[in-house]
């Protein structure tokens, strides 16, 4: 079924705004799913995308709101609570277990993105409710401890 003009405009806007991986060539928007190329992102590319997303714009490209960064407050809360939960439940602290626990906790919580200056982030974190984040981290650490992958 052909897409409406609104759907095409939405897809075009998404394609312009979101960073893309190395796509071999652009496919028409109504191409069948089996013709879509398989896209894989390496850890290095993923980290580079995350770094671009969370760093401030360079002074040459900045506008009047320079110094503004994009931060997921939920991710910061989970990272803050992770060490205490690992200590409390005597769980393995290897990199793999830490990343699994963080992923489980973040998947249980809604994202909370803000665009703010770096000096405002601490203040925003201090007023965020932490009860749900703490509970999600505890559940995640217990899940990782129950099913270690090493």
Protein backbone atom coordinates (compact mmCIF):
# COMPACT_ATOMS: atom_id res chain seq x y z
CA UNK A 1 0.00 0.00 0.00
CA UNK A 2 1.32 3.41 -0.92
CA UNK A 3 2.12 5.80 1.90
CA UNK A 4 0.30 9.08 2.31
CA UNK A 5 2.06 12.41 1.85
CA UNK A 6 2.06 12.92 5.62
CA UNK A 7 3.76 9.55 6.21
CA UNK A 8 6.35 10.30 3.54
CA UNK A 9 7.04 13.74 5.03
CA UNK A 10 7.38 12.23 8.51
CA UNK A 11 9.78 9.57 7.22
CA UNK A 12 11.82 12.17 5.29
CA UNK A 13 12.07 14.39 8.37
CA UNK A 14 13.13 11.41 10.49
CA UNK A 15 15.79 10.48 7.93
CA UNK A 16 17.15 14.03 7.95
CA UNK A 17 17.26 14.35 11.74
CA UNK A 18 18.50 10.95 12.82
CA UNK A 19 22.12 9.96 12.26
CA UNK A 20 22.38 7.09 9.87
CA UNK A 21 24.86 4.29 9.49
CA UNK A 22 26.62 3.54 6.26
CA UNK A 23 23.65 2.81 4.02
CA UNK A 24 24.78 1.64 0.59
CA UNK A 25 22.10 3.59 -1.25
CA UNK A 26 18.75 5.19 -0.55
CA UNK A 27 15.74 2.97 -1.15
CA UNK A 28 12.30 4.30 -2.00
CA UNK A 29 10.10 4.68 1.08
CA UNK A 30 7.56 2.14 -0.11
CA UNK A 31 10.14 -0.55 -0.96
CA UNK A 32 9.19 -4.03 0.28
CA UNK A 33 10.76 -5.07 3.57
CA UNK A 34 12.71 -7.93 2.00
CA UNK A 35 14.65 -5.41 -0.14
CA UNK A 36 15.74 -3.37 2.88
CA UNK A 37 19.46 -3.80 3.58
CA UNK A 38 20.60 -5.42 6.82
CA UNK A 39 22.16 -2.70 8.96
CA UNK A 40 24.62 -3.55 11.68
CA UNK A 41 26.23 -1.02 13.97
CA UNK A 42 29.57 -1.73 15.55
CA UNK A 43 30.30 -0.73 19.12
CA UNK A 44 32.65 1.99 17.89
CA UNK A 45 29.98 3.53 15.65
CA UNK A 46 27.39 3.31 18.40
CA UNK A 47 29.73 5.03 20.86
CA UNK A 48 30.54 7.71 18.28
CA UNK A 49 26.82 8.36 17.76
CA UNK A 50 26.27 8.56 21.52
CA UNK A 51 29.22 10.94 21.86
CA UNK A 52 27.88 13.20 19.10
CA UNK A 53 24.46 13.20 20.71
CA UNK A 54 25.65 14.11 24.20
CA UNK A 55 28.35 16.69 23.50
CA UNK A 56 27.79 20.37 23.00
CA UNK A 57 27.91 21.81 19.51
CA UNK A 58 31.21 23.29 18.41
CA UNK A 59 31.42 27.09 18.77
CA UNK A 60 31.45 27.53 15.00
CA UNK A 61 28.13 25.70 14.65
CA UNK A 62 26.48 26.89 17.82
CA UNK A 63 23.53 29.21 17.96
CA UNK A 64 22.43 31.48 20.84
CA UNK A 65 21.80 28.37 23.00
CA UNK A 66 25.40 27.13 22.87
CA UNK A 67 26.53 24.78 25.62
CA UNK A 68 23.27 22.85 25.52
CA UNK A 69 23.62 19.07 25.73
CA UNK A 70 21.11 16.27 25.39
CA UNK A 71 20.96 14.06 28.49
CA UNK A 72 18.78 11.14 29.50
CA UNK A 73 18.22 11.80 33.21
CA UNK A 74 16.96 8.25 33.68
CA UNK A 75 20.29 6.89 32.44
CA UNK A 76 22.17 9.14 34.85
CA UNK A 77 19.97 8.00 37.76
CA UNK A 78 20.51 4.33 36.92
CA UNK A 79 24.27 4.82 36.64
CA UNK A 80 24.26 6.58 40.01
CA UNK A 81 22.37 3.75 41.76
CA UNK A 82 24.13 0.83 40.07
CA UNK A 83 27.23 0.58 42.29
CA UNK A 84 25.24 0.63 45.53
CA UNK A 85 22.98 -2.18 44.27
CA UNK A 86 25.96 -4.31 43.18
CA UNK A 87 27.50 -3.83 46.64
CA UNK A 88 24.28 -4.59 48.50
CA UNK A 89 23.55 -7.82 46.64
CA UNK A 90 27.18 -8.96 46.27
CA UNK A 91 26.86 -9.34 42.51
CA UNK A 92 29.65 -9.75 39.96
CA UNK A 93 30.99 -6.33 38.94
CA UNK A 94 32.48 -7.26 35.58
CA UNK A 95 31.78 -4.99 32.64
CA UNK A 96 29.35 -7.43 31.05
CA UNK A 97 27.22 -7.80 34.20
CA UNK A 98 27.19 -4.04 34.77
CA UNK A 99 26.05 -3.36 31.21
CA UNK A 100 23.36 -6.06 31.38
CA UNK A 101 22.01 -4.70 34.66
CA UNK A 102 21.98 -1.14 33.29
CA UNK A 103 20.18 -2.31 30.14
CA UNK A 104 17.55 -4.24 32.12
CA UNK A 105 16.92 -1.27 34.41
CA UNK A 106 16.73 1.25 31.56
CA UNK A 107 14.32 -0.96 29.63
CA UNK A 108 12.00 -0.97 32.66
CA UNK A 109 11.99 2.83 32.97
CA UNK A 110 10.68 5.55 30.69
CA UNK A 111 13.36 7.80 29.18
CA UNK A 112 13.57 11.34 30.48
CA UNK A 113 15.59 13.40 28.00
CA UNK A 114 16.38 17.04 28.65
CA UNK A 115 18.30 19.64 26.72
CA UNK A 116 20.18 21.77 29.22
CA UNK A 117 23.54 23.30 30.05
CA UNK A 118 25.98 21.08 31.91
CA UNK A 119 25.72 23.21 35.06
CA UNK A 120 21.95 22.56 35.15
CA UNK A 121 22.16 18.76 34.94
CA UNK A 122 23.02 18.23 38.63
CA UNK A 123 20.09 20.41 39.69
CA UNK A 124 17.73 18.53 37.38
CA UNK A 125 18.96 15.20 38.76
CA UNK A 126 18.41 16.36 42.32
CA UNK A 127 14.70 17.02 41.70
CA UNK A 128 14.05 13.81 39.73
CA UNK A 129 12.10 11.13 41.58
CA UNK A 130 14.50 8.26 42.31
CA UNK A 131 12.16 5.66 43.79
CA UNK A 132 11.31 3.98 40.48
CA UNK A 133 14.92 4.06 39.30
CA UNK A 134 16.17 2.46 42.51
CA UNK A 135 13.56 -0.30 42.28
CA UNK A 136 14.38 -0.98 38.63
CA UNK A 137 18.11 -1.17 39.40
CA UNK A 138 17.51 -3.64 42.25
CA UNK A 139 15.35 -5.84 40.00
CA UNK A 140 17.98 -5.68 37.25
CA UNK A 141 20.88 -6.57 39.56
CA UNK A 142 18.94 -9.51 41.02
CA UNK A 143 18.11 -10.69 37.51
CA UNK A 144 21.76 -10.52 36.45
CA UNK A 145 22.86 -12.28 39.62
CA UNK A 146 20.30 -15.07 39.04
CA UNK A 147 21.35 -15.60 35.41
CA UNK A 148 25.02 -14.69 34.90
CA UNK A 149 26.29 -15.06 31.34
CA UNK A 150 29.80 -16.09 32.29
